[in-house]
């Protein structure tokens, strides 16, 4: 499918959505699991498409589901769907490959954070636009964190005041994200980690409680509740 950015914004959003989601139990690929009767991916794309900054959305789908995902999302928004890889970073790289050079800002967003509000996409994009190479939304850690040995013995208590729980969308200057992927020597759990290895500064902005990651069955239950009580445009 040919990439066709719109004229309204300066941001491409890449959505790696090829993962199996084994911790959710047996069933469809994670991004296609249902939340209130609709796949997580549909909820995510609906919010991404509502962001004024977004000119293009690229989804990396399970290879066997590319056509089906394209048909699923066509009524929601114009979306380019590519075949994802076995690992998350392979999916991001495949999606990034179809983003044209005219779009200088790329956001990478997990379909599992399908309730992330429009305000969060705009906040991350604005921070990149203001000059940051890489921007991540993050929340303060509220639990006490212990460092533990392999045998289960507590080695010490970590100062949680300097810790943050990182979310998506993560935003980048497109050239920086491409350089980070080209230089990546091994697997990384988030794209900001690959940028850190380039020696560049990654900036934090305020995250959102709505951008929770759906990983386990109980997360689906919480997300279902949030759909009924939350403003989708809330911070």
C-alpha atoms as a PDB file:
ATOM      1  CA  UNK A   1       0.000   0.000   0.000  1.00  0.00           C
ATOM      2  CA  UNK A   2       1.412   3.404  -0.977  1.00  0.00           C
ATOM      3  CA  UNK A   3       2.067   5.910   1.785  1.00  0.00           C
ATOM      4  CA  UNK A   4      -0.005   9.082   1.362  1.00  0.00           C
ATOM      5  CA  UNK A   5       0.456  11.689   4.106  1.00  0.00           C
ATOM      6  CA  UNK A   6      -2.283  14.251   4.579  1.00  0.00           C
ATOM      7  CA  UNK A   7      -1.587  17.974   4.503  1.00  0.00           C
ATOM      8  CA  UNK A   8      -2.890  18.751   7.972  1.00  0.00           C
ATOM      9  CA  UNK A   9       0.064  17.880  10.215  1.00  0.00           C
ATOM     10  CA  UNK A  10       3.790  17.200  10.423  1.00  0.00           C
ATOM     11  CA  UNK A  11       3.773  13.920  12.375  1.00  0.00           C
ATOM     12  CA  UNK A  12       3.795  10.252  11.374  1.00  0.00           C
ATOM     13  CA  UNK A  13       2.627   7.758  13.970  1.00  0.00           C
ATOM     14  CA  UNK A  14       4.035   4.232  13.779  1.00  0.00           C
ATOM     15  CA  UNK A  15       2.049   1.506  15.547  1.00  0.00           C
ATOM     16  CA  UNK A  16       3.758  -1.882  16.030  1.00  0.00           C
ATOM     17  CA  UNK A  17       0.808  -4.262  16.295  1.00  0.00           C
ATOM     18  CA  UNK A  18       2.171  -7.681  15.312  1.00  0.00           C
ATOM     19  CA  UNK A  19       2.686  -9.120  18.807  1.00  0.00           C
ATOM     20  CA  UNK A  20       0.921 -12.246  20.005  1.00  0.00           C
ATOM     21  CA  UNK A  21       0.061 -10.961  23.492  1.00  0.00           C
ATOM     22  CA  UNK A  22       0.631 -14.290  25.217  1.00  0.00           C
ATOM     23  CA  UNK A  23       0.124 -12.822  28.700  1.00  0.00           C
ATOM     24  CA  UNK A  24      -3.483 -12.050  27.740  1.00  0.00           C
ATOM     25  CA  UNK A  25      -4.037 -15.764  27.228  1.00  0.00           C
ATOM     26  CA  UNK A  26      -4.856 -17.700  24.050  1.00  0.00           C
ATOM     27  CA  UNK A  27      -6.646 -15.904  21.259  1.00  0.00           C
ATOM     28  CA  UNK A  28      -6.155 -13.400  18.462  1.00  0.00           C
ATOM     29  CA  UNK A  29      -2.990 -11.290  18.165  1.00  0.00           C
ATOM     30  CA  UNK A  30      -2.904  -8.775  21.009  1.00  0.00           C
ATOM     31  CA  UNK A  31      -3.841  -5.688  18.997  1.00  0.00           C
ATOM     32  CA  UNK A  32      -6.927  -7.502  17.708  1.00  0.00           C
ATOM     33  CA  UNK A  33      -8.245  -8.559  21.113  1.00  0.00           C
ATOM     34  CA  UNK A  34     -11.594  -6.984  21.906  1.00  0.00           C
ATOM     35  CA  UNK A  35     -12.240  -4.150  24.335  1.00  0.00           C
ATOM     36  CA  UNK A  36     -15.911  -3.275  24.716  1.00  0.00           C
ATOM     37  CA  UNK A  37     -16.625  -5.093  21.459  1.00  0.00           C
ATOM     38  CA  UNK A  38     -13.898  -3.456  19.346  1.00  0.00           C
ATOM     39  CA  UNK A  39     -10.252  -4.453  18.798  1.00  0.00           C
ATOM     40  CA  UNK A  40      -7.654  -2.589  20.846  1.00  0.00           C
ATOM     41  CA  UNK A  41      -6.172  -1.373  17.570  1.00  0.00           C
ATOM     42  CA  UNK A  42      -9.414   0.319  16.552  1.00  0.00           C
ATOM     43  CA  UNK A  43      -9.560   2.223  19.840  1.00  0.00           C
ATOM     44  CA  UNK A  44      -5.933   3.284  19.401  1.00  0.00           C
ATOM     45  CA  UNK A  45      -6.280   4.417  15.786  1.00  0.00           C
ATOM     46  CA  UNK A  46      -9.426   6.382  16.554  1.00  0.00           C
ATOM     47  CA  UNK A  47      -7.528   8.468  19.126  1.00  0.00           C
ATOM     48  CA  UNK A  48      -4.416   8.848  16.976  1.00  0.00           C
ATOM     49  CA  UNK A  49      -6.478  10.012  14.001  1.00  0.00           C
ATOM     50  CA  UNK A  50      -8.144  12.681  16.148  1.00  0.00           C
ATOM     51  CA  UNK A  51      -4.781  14.340  16.870  1.00  0.00           C
ATOM     52  CA  UNK A  52      -4.418  17.530  14.773  1.00  0.00           C
ATOM     53  CA  UNK A  53      -0.658  17.020  14.386  1.00  0.00           C
ATOM     54  CA  UNK A  54      -0.929  13.607  12.747  1.00  0.00           C
ATOM     55  CA  UNK A  55      -0.488  13.488   8.972  1.00  0.00           C
ATOM     56  CA  UNK A  56       0.123   9.769   8.566  1.00  0.00           C
ATOM     57  CA  UNK A  57      -0.496   6.531  10.476  1.00  0.00           C
ATOM     58  CA  UNK A  58       1.445   3.337   9.729  1.00  0.00           C
ATOM     59  CA  UNK A  59       0.458   0.049  11.360  1.00  0.00           C
ATOM     60  CA  UNK A  60       2.769  -2.985  11.390  1.00  0.00           C
ATOM     61  CA  UNK A  61       0.330  -5.886  11.522  1.00  0.00           C
ATOM     62  CA  UNK A  62       0.822  -9.654  11.803  1.00  0.00           C
ATOM     63  CA  UNK A  63       1.945 -10.720   8.304  1.00  0.00           C
ATOM     64  CA  UNK A  64      -1.089 -12.976   7.834  1.00  0.00           C
ATOM     65  CA  UNK A  65      -3.463 -10.181   8.854  1.00  0.00           C
ATOM     66  CA  UNK A  66      -2.268  -7.239   6.712  1.00  0.00           C
ATOM     67  CA  UNK A  67      -5.293  -7.199   4.403  1.00  0.00           C
ATOM     68  CA  UNK A  68      -7.735  -7.854   7.231  1.00  0.00           C
ATOM     69  CA  UNK A  69      -6.259  -5.064   9.364  1.00  0.00           C
ATOM     70  CA  UNK A  70      -6.401  -2.679   6.416  1.00  0.00           C
ATOM     71  CA  UNK A  71     -10.087  -3.459   5.925  1.00  0.00           C
ATOM     72  CA  UNK A  72     -10.758  -3.148   9.658  1.00  0.00           C
ATOM     73  CA  UNK A  73      -9.198   0.304   9.909  1.00  0.00           C
ATOM     74  CA  UNK A  74     -10.379   1.779   6.603  1.00  0.00           C
ATOM     75  CA  UNK A  75     -13.646   3.111   8.096  1.00  0.00           C
ATOM     76  CA  UNK A  76     -11.739   4.708  10.992  1.00  0.00           C
ATOM     77  CA  UNK A  77      -8.952   6.661   9.259  1.00  0.00           C
ATOM     78  CA  UNK A  78      -6.551   6.530   6.306  1.00  0.00           C
ATOM     79  CA  UNK A  79      -3.901   4.061   7.481  1.00  0.00           C
ATOM     80  CA  UNK A  80      -0.949   2.401   5.764  1.00  0.00           C
ATOM     81  CA  UNK A  81      -0.613  -1.244   6.863  1.00  0.00           C
ATOM     82  CA  UNK A  82       2.662  -3.159   6.489  1.00  0.00           C
ATOM     83  CA  UNK A  83       3.773  -6.624   7.591  1.00  0.00           C
ATOM     84  CA  UNK A  84       5.381  -6.562  11.027  1.00  0.00           C
ATOM     85  CA  UNK A  85       8.200  -8.731  12.316  1.00  0.00           C
ATOM     86  CA  UNK A  86       8.742 -11.305  15.033  1.00  0.00           C
ATOM     87  CA  UNK A  87      10.151  -8.642  17.375  1.00  0.00           C
ATOM     88  CA  UNK A  88       8.776  -5.205  18.189  1.00  0.00           C
ATOM     89  CA  UNK A  89      11.748  -3.321  16.781  1.00  0.00           C
ATOM     90  CA  UNK A  90      11.422  -5.213  13.498  1.00  0.00           C
ATOM     91  CA  UNK A  91       7.838  -4.003  13.275  1.00  0.00           C
ATOM     92  CA  UNK A  92       8.852  -0.423  14.021  1.00  0.00           C
ATOM     93  CA  UNK A  93      11.584  -0.586  11.387  1.00  0.00           C
ATOM     94  CA  UNK A  94       9.158  -1.956   8.777  1.00  0.00           C
ATOM     95  CA  UNK A  95       6.679   0.832   9.458  1.00  0.00           C
ATOM     96  CA  UNK A  96       9.364   3.511   9.590  1.00  0.00           C
ATOM     97  CA  UNK A  97      10.578   2.447   6.148  1.00  0.00           C
ATOM     98  CA  UNK A  98       7.397   3.776   4.493  1.00  0.00           C
ATOM     99  CA  UNK A  99       7.373   7.154   6.272  1.00  0.00           C
ATOM    100  CA  UNK A 100       8.408   9.778   3.691  1.00  0.00           C
ATOM    101  CA  UNK A 101      11.263  12.241   4.381  1.00  0.00           C
ATOM    102  CA  UNK A 102       8.769  15.109   4.304  1.00  0.00           C
ATOM    103  CA  UNK A 103       7.550  14.110   7.779  1.00  0.00           C
ATOM    104  CA  UNK A 104      10.245  15.106  10.241  1.00  0.00           C
ATOM    105  CA  UNK A 105       8.584  13.884  13.444  1.00  0.00           C
ATOM    106  CA  UNK A 106       7.746  10.243  14.178  1.00  0.00           C
ATOM    107  CA  UNK A 107       5.781   8.981  17.157  1.00  0.00           C
ATOM    108  CA  UNK A 108       5.914   5.285  18.057  1.00  0.00           C
ATOM    109  CA  UNK A 109       2.827   4.083  19.889  1.00  0.00           C
ATOM    110  CA  UNK A 110       1.824   0.701  21.306  1.00  0.00           C
ATOM    111  CA  UNK A 111      -1.626  -0.505  20.283  1.00  0.00           C
ATOM    112  CA  UNK A 112      -1.869  -1.959  23.798  1.00  0.00           C
ATOM    113  CA  UNK A 113      -2.020   1.628  25.143  1.00  0.00           C
ATOM    114  CA  UNK A 114      -5.222   2.097  23.205  1.00  0.00           C
ATOM    115  CA  UNK A 115      -6.813   4.697  25.512  1.00  0.00           C
ATOM    116  CA  UNK A 116      -3.949   7.204  25.319  1.00  0.00           C
ATOM    117  CA  UNK A 117      -5.708  10.567  24.857  1.00  0.00           C
ATOM    118  CA  UNK A 118      -5.257  13.026  22.002  1.00  0.00           C
ATOM    119  CA  UNK A 119      -3.684  15.488  24.439  1.00  0.00           C
ATOM    120  CA  UNK A 120      -0.806  13.071  25.048  1.00  0.00           C
ATOM    121  CA  UNK A 121       0.016  12.762  21.341  1.00  0.00           C
ATOM    122  CA  UNK A 122      -0.042  16.540  21.033  1.00  0.00           C
ATOM    123  CA  UNK A 123       2.148  17.032  24.114  1.00  0.00           C
ATOM    124  CA  UNK A 124       4.830  14.642  22.859  1.00  0.00           C
ATOM    125  CA  UNK A 125       4.760  16.051  19.320  1.00  0.00           C
ATOM    126  CA  UNK A 126       5.040  19.616  20.620  1.00  0.00           C
ATOM    127  CA  UNK A 127       8.113  18.725  22.680  1.00  0.00           C
ATOM    128  CA  UNK A 128       9.873  17.250  19.646  1.00  0.00           C
ATOM    129  CA  UNK A 129       8.797  20.236  17.561  1.00  0.00           C
ATOM    130  CA  UNK A 130      10.374  22.557  20.124  1.00  0.00           C
ATOM    131  CA  UNK A 131      13.801  20.995  19.533  1.00  0.00           C
ATOM    132  CA  UNK A 132      14.134  17.735  21.469  1.00  0.00           C
ATOM    133  CA  UNK A 133      15.653  14.735  19.681  1.00  0.00           C
ATOM    134  CA  UNK A 134      13.552  12.249  21.630  1.00  0.00           C
ATOM    135  CA  UNK A 135      10.618  12.612  24.009  1.00  0.00           C
ATOM    136  CA  UNK A 136       8.907  10.070  26.236  1.00  0.00           C
ATOM    137  CA  UNK A 137       5.759  10.420  28.358  1.00  0.00           C
ATOM    138  CA  UNK A 138       6.306   9.156  31.884  1.00  0.00           C
ATOM    139  CA  UNK A 139       4.609   8.899  35.260  1.00  0.00           C
ATOM    140  CA  UNK A 140       6.207   8.966  38.718  1.00  0.00           C
ATOM    141  CA  UNK A 141       6.644   5.524  40.300  1.00  0.00           C
ATOM    142  CA  UNK A 142       4.256   5.198  43.228  1.00  0.00           C
ATOM    143  CA  UNK A 143       5.264   1.791  44.612  1.00  0.00           C
ATOM    144  CA  UNK A 144       8.273   1.144  46.813  1.00  0.00           C
ATOM    145  CA  UNK A 145      10.926  -0.488  44.618  1.00  0.00           C
ATOM    146  CA  UNK A 146      13.325  -3.122  45.960  1.00  0.00           C
ATOM    147  CA  UNK A 147      16.474  -4.448  44.330  1.00  0.00           C
ATOM    148  CA  UNK A 148      16.378  -8.233  44.729  1.00  0.00           C
ATOM    149  CA  UNK A 149      18.963 -10.967  44.171  1.00  0.00           C
ATOM    150  CA  UNK A 150      18.388 -14.037  42.031  1.00  0.00           C
ATOM    151  CA  UNK A 151      17.650 -15.947  45.244  1.00  0.00           C
ATOM    152  CA  UNK A 152      14.907 -13.507  46.240  1.00  0.00           C
ATOM    153  CA  UNK A 153      16.878 -11.657  48.920  1.00  0.00           C
ATOM    154  CA  UNK A 154      16.389  -7.907  49.152  1.00  0.00           C
ATOM    155  CA  UNK A 155      19.617  -6.076  48.341  1.00  0.00           C
ATOM    156  CA  UNK A 156      18.314  -2.582  48.949  1.00  0.00           C
ATOM    157  CA  UNK A 157      15.549  -0.031  48.427  1.00  0.00           C
ATOM    158  CA  UNK A 158      15.698   2.115  45.302  1.00  0.00           C
ATOM    159  CA  UNK A 159      15.011   5.854  45.533  1.00  0.00           C
ATOM    160  CA  UNK A 160      11.735   6.045  43.658  1.00  0.00           C
ATOM    161  CA  UNK A 161      11.858   9.852  43.407  1.00  0.00           C
ATOM    162  CA  UNK A 162      14.258   9.536  40.464  1.00  0.00           C
ATOM    163  CA  UNK A 163      12.304   6.728  38.755  1.00  0.00           C
ATOM    164  CA  UNK A 164       9.631   7.043  36.086  1.00  0.00           C
ATOM    165  CA  UNK A 165       7.287   4.547  34.444  1.00  0.00           C
ATOM    166  CA  UNK A 166       7.561   5.126  30.707  1.00  0.00           C
ATOM    167  CA  UNK A 167       4.613   5.077  28.311  1.00  0.00           C
ATOM    168  CA  UNK A 168       3.959   5.646  24.627  1.00  0.00           C
ATOM    169  CA  UNK A 169       3.640   7.493  22.294  1.00  0.00           C
ATOM    170  CA  UNK A 170       7.375   8.137  22.226  1.00  0.00           C
ATOM    171  CA  UNK A 171       8.372  10.944  19.877  1.00  0.00           C
ATOM    172  CA  UNK A 172      11.517  11.461  17.800  1.00  0.00           C
ATOM    173  CA  UNK A 173      13.039  13.540  15.107  1.00  0.00           C
ATOM    174  CA  UNK A 174      12.687  11.112  12.223  1.00  0.00           C
ATOM    175  CA  UNK A 175      16.394  11.215  11.383  1.00  0.00           C
ATOM    176  CA  UNK A 176      17.281  10.350  14.976  1.00  0.00           C
ATOM    177  CA  UNK A 177      14.934   7.367  15.100  1.00  0.00           C
ATOM    178  CA  UNK A 178      16.272   6.050  11.803  1.00  0.00           C
ATOM    179  CA  UNK A 179      19.858   6.425  13.032  1.00  0.00           C
ATOM    180  CA  UNK A 180      19.013   4.635  16.290  1.00  0.00           C
ATOM    181  CA  UNK A 181      17.504   1.674  14.443  1.00  0.00           C
ATOM    182  CA  UNK A 182      20.422   1.491  12.033  1.00  0.00           C
ATOM    183  CA  UNK A 183      22.893   1.407  14.939  1.00  0.00           C
ATOM    184  CA  UNK A 184      20.946  -1.001  17.185  1.00  0.00           C
ATOM    185  CA  UNK A 185      23.134  -3.994  18.007  1.00  0.00           C
ATOM    186  CA  UNK A 186      20.519  -6.007  19.883  1.00  0.00           C
ATOM    187  CA  UNK A 187      16.895  -6.050  20.959  1.00  0.00           C
ATOM    188  CA  UNK A 188      15.519  -3.072  22.855  1.00  0.00           C
ATOM    189  CA  UNK A 189      12.231  -2.786  24.726  1.00  0.00           C
ATOM    190  CA  UNK A 190      11.575   0.785  23.668  1.00  0.00           C
ATOM    191  CA  UNK A 191      12.875   3.065  20.953  1.00  0.00           C
ATOM    192  CA  UNK A 192      14.070   5.674  23.416  1.00  0.00           C
ATOM    193  CA  UNK A 193      16.553   3.106  24.730  1.00  0.00           C
ATOM    194  CA  UNK A 194      18.083   2.829  21.265  1.00  0.00           C
ATOM    195  CA  UNK A 195      18.372   6.636  21.083  1.00  0.00           C
ATOM    196  CA  UNK A 196      20.066   6.705  24.495  1.00  0.00           C
ATOM    197  CA  UNK A 197      22.767   4.418  23.081  1.00  0.00           C
ATOM    198  CA  UNK A 198      23.551   7.094  20.487  1.00  0.00           C
ATOM    199  CA  UNK A 199      24.487   9.385  23.377  1.00  0.00           C
ATOM    200  CA  UNK A 200      21.550  11.737  22.780  1.00  0.00           C
ATOM    201  CA  UNK A 201      19.313  13.263  25.435  1.00  0.00           C
ATOM    202  CA  UNK A 202      15.830  11.810  25.898  1.00  0.00           C
ATOM    203  CA  UNK A 203      13.387  14.259  27.461  1.00  0.00           C
ATOM    204  CA  UNK A 204      10.448  13.310  29.695  1.00  0.00           C
ATOM    205  CA  UNK A 205       7.042  14.959  29.563  1.00  0.00           C
ATOM    206  CA  UNK A 206       3.997  14.245  31.695  1.00  0.00           C
ATOM    207  CA  UNK A 207       2.306  10.960  30.899  1.00  0.00           C
ATOM    208  CA  UNK A 208      -1.350  10.043  31.290  1.00  0.00           C
ATOM    209  CA  UNK A 209      -3.136   7.595  33.556  1.00  0.00           C
ATOM    210  CA  UNK A 210      -5.301   6.706  30.562  1.00  0.00           C
ATOM    211  CA  UNK A 211      -2.257   5.431  28.640  1.00  0.00           C
ATOM    212  CA  UNK A 212      -2.114   2.219  30.646  1.00  0.00           C
ATOM    213  CA  UNK A 213      -0.697  -0.804  28.848  1.00  0.00           C
ATOM    214  CA  UNK A 214      -3.101  -3.699  28.388  1.00  0.00           C
ATOM    215  CA  UNK A 215      -1.015  -6.788  29.135  1.00  0.00           C
ATOM    216  CA  UNK A 216      -3.079  -9.054  31.381  1.00  0.00           C
ATOM    217  CA  UNK A 217      -6.795  -9.924  31.553  1.00  0.00           C
ATOM    218  CA  UNK A 218      -7.272  -7.610  34.550  1.00  0.00           C
ATOM    219  CA  UNK A 219      -5.991  -4.704  32.430  1.00  0.00           C
ATOM    220  CA  UNK A 220      -8.831  -5.321  29.975  1.00  0.00           C
ATOM    221  CA  UNK A 221     -11.306  -5.092  32.839  1.00  0.00           C
ATOM    222  CA  UNK A 222      -9.799  -1.776  33.992  1.00  0.00           C
ATOM    223  CA  UNK A 223      -9.779  -0.380  30.455  1.00  0.00           C
ATOM    224  CA  UNK A 224     -13.442  -1.345  30.018  1.00  0.00           C
ATOM    225  CA  UNK A 225     -14.261   0.623  33.146  1.00  0.00           C
ATOM    226  CA  UNK A 226     -12.213   3.623  31.995  1.00  0.00           C
ATOM    227  CA  UNK A 227     -14.138   3.720  28.722  1.00  0.00           C
ATOM    228  CA  UNK A 228     -17.336   4.344  30.664  1.00  0.00           C
ATOM    229  CA  UNK A 229     -16.058   6.965  33.103  1.00  0.00           C
ATOM    230  CA  UNK A 230     -13.240   8.851  31.350  1.00  0.00           C
ATOM    231  CA  UNK A 231     -13.126  11.779  28.978  1.00  0.00           C
ATOM    232  CA  UNK A 232     -11.195  10.432  25.925  1.00  0.00           C
ATOM    233  CA  UNK A 233      -9.489  13.821  25.581  1.00  0.00           C
ATOM    234  CA  UNK A 234      -8.497  14.042  29.243  1.00  0.00           C
ATOM    235  CA  UNK A 235      -4.913  14.529  30.356  1.00  0.00           C
END
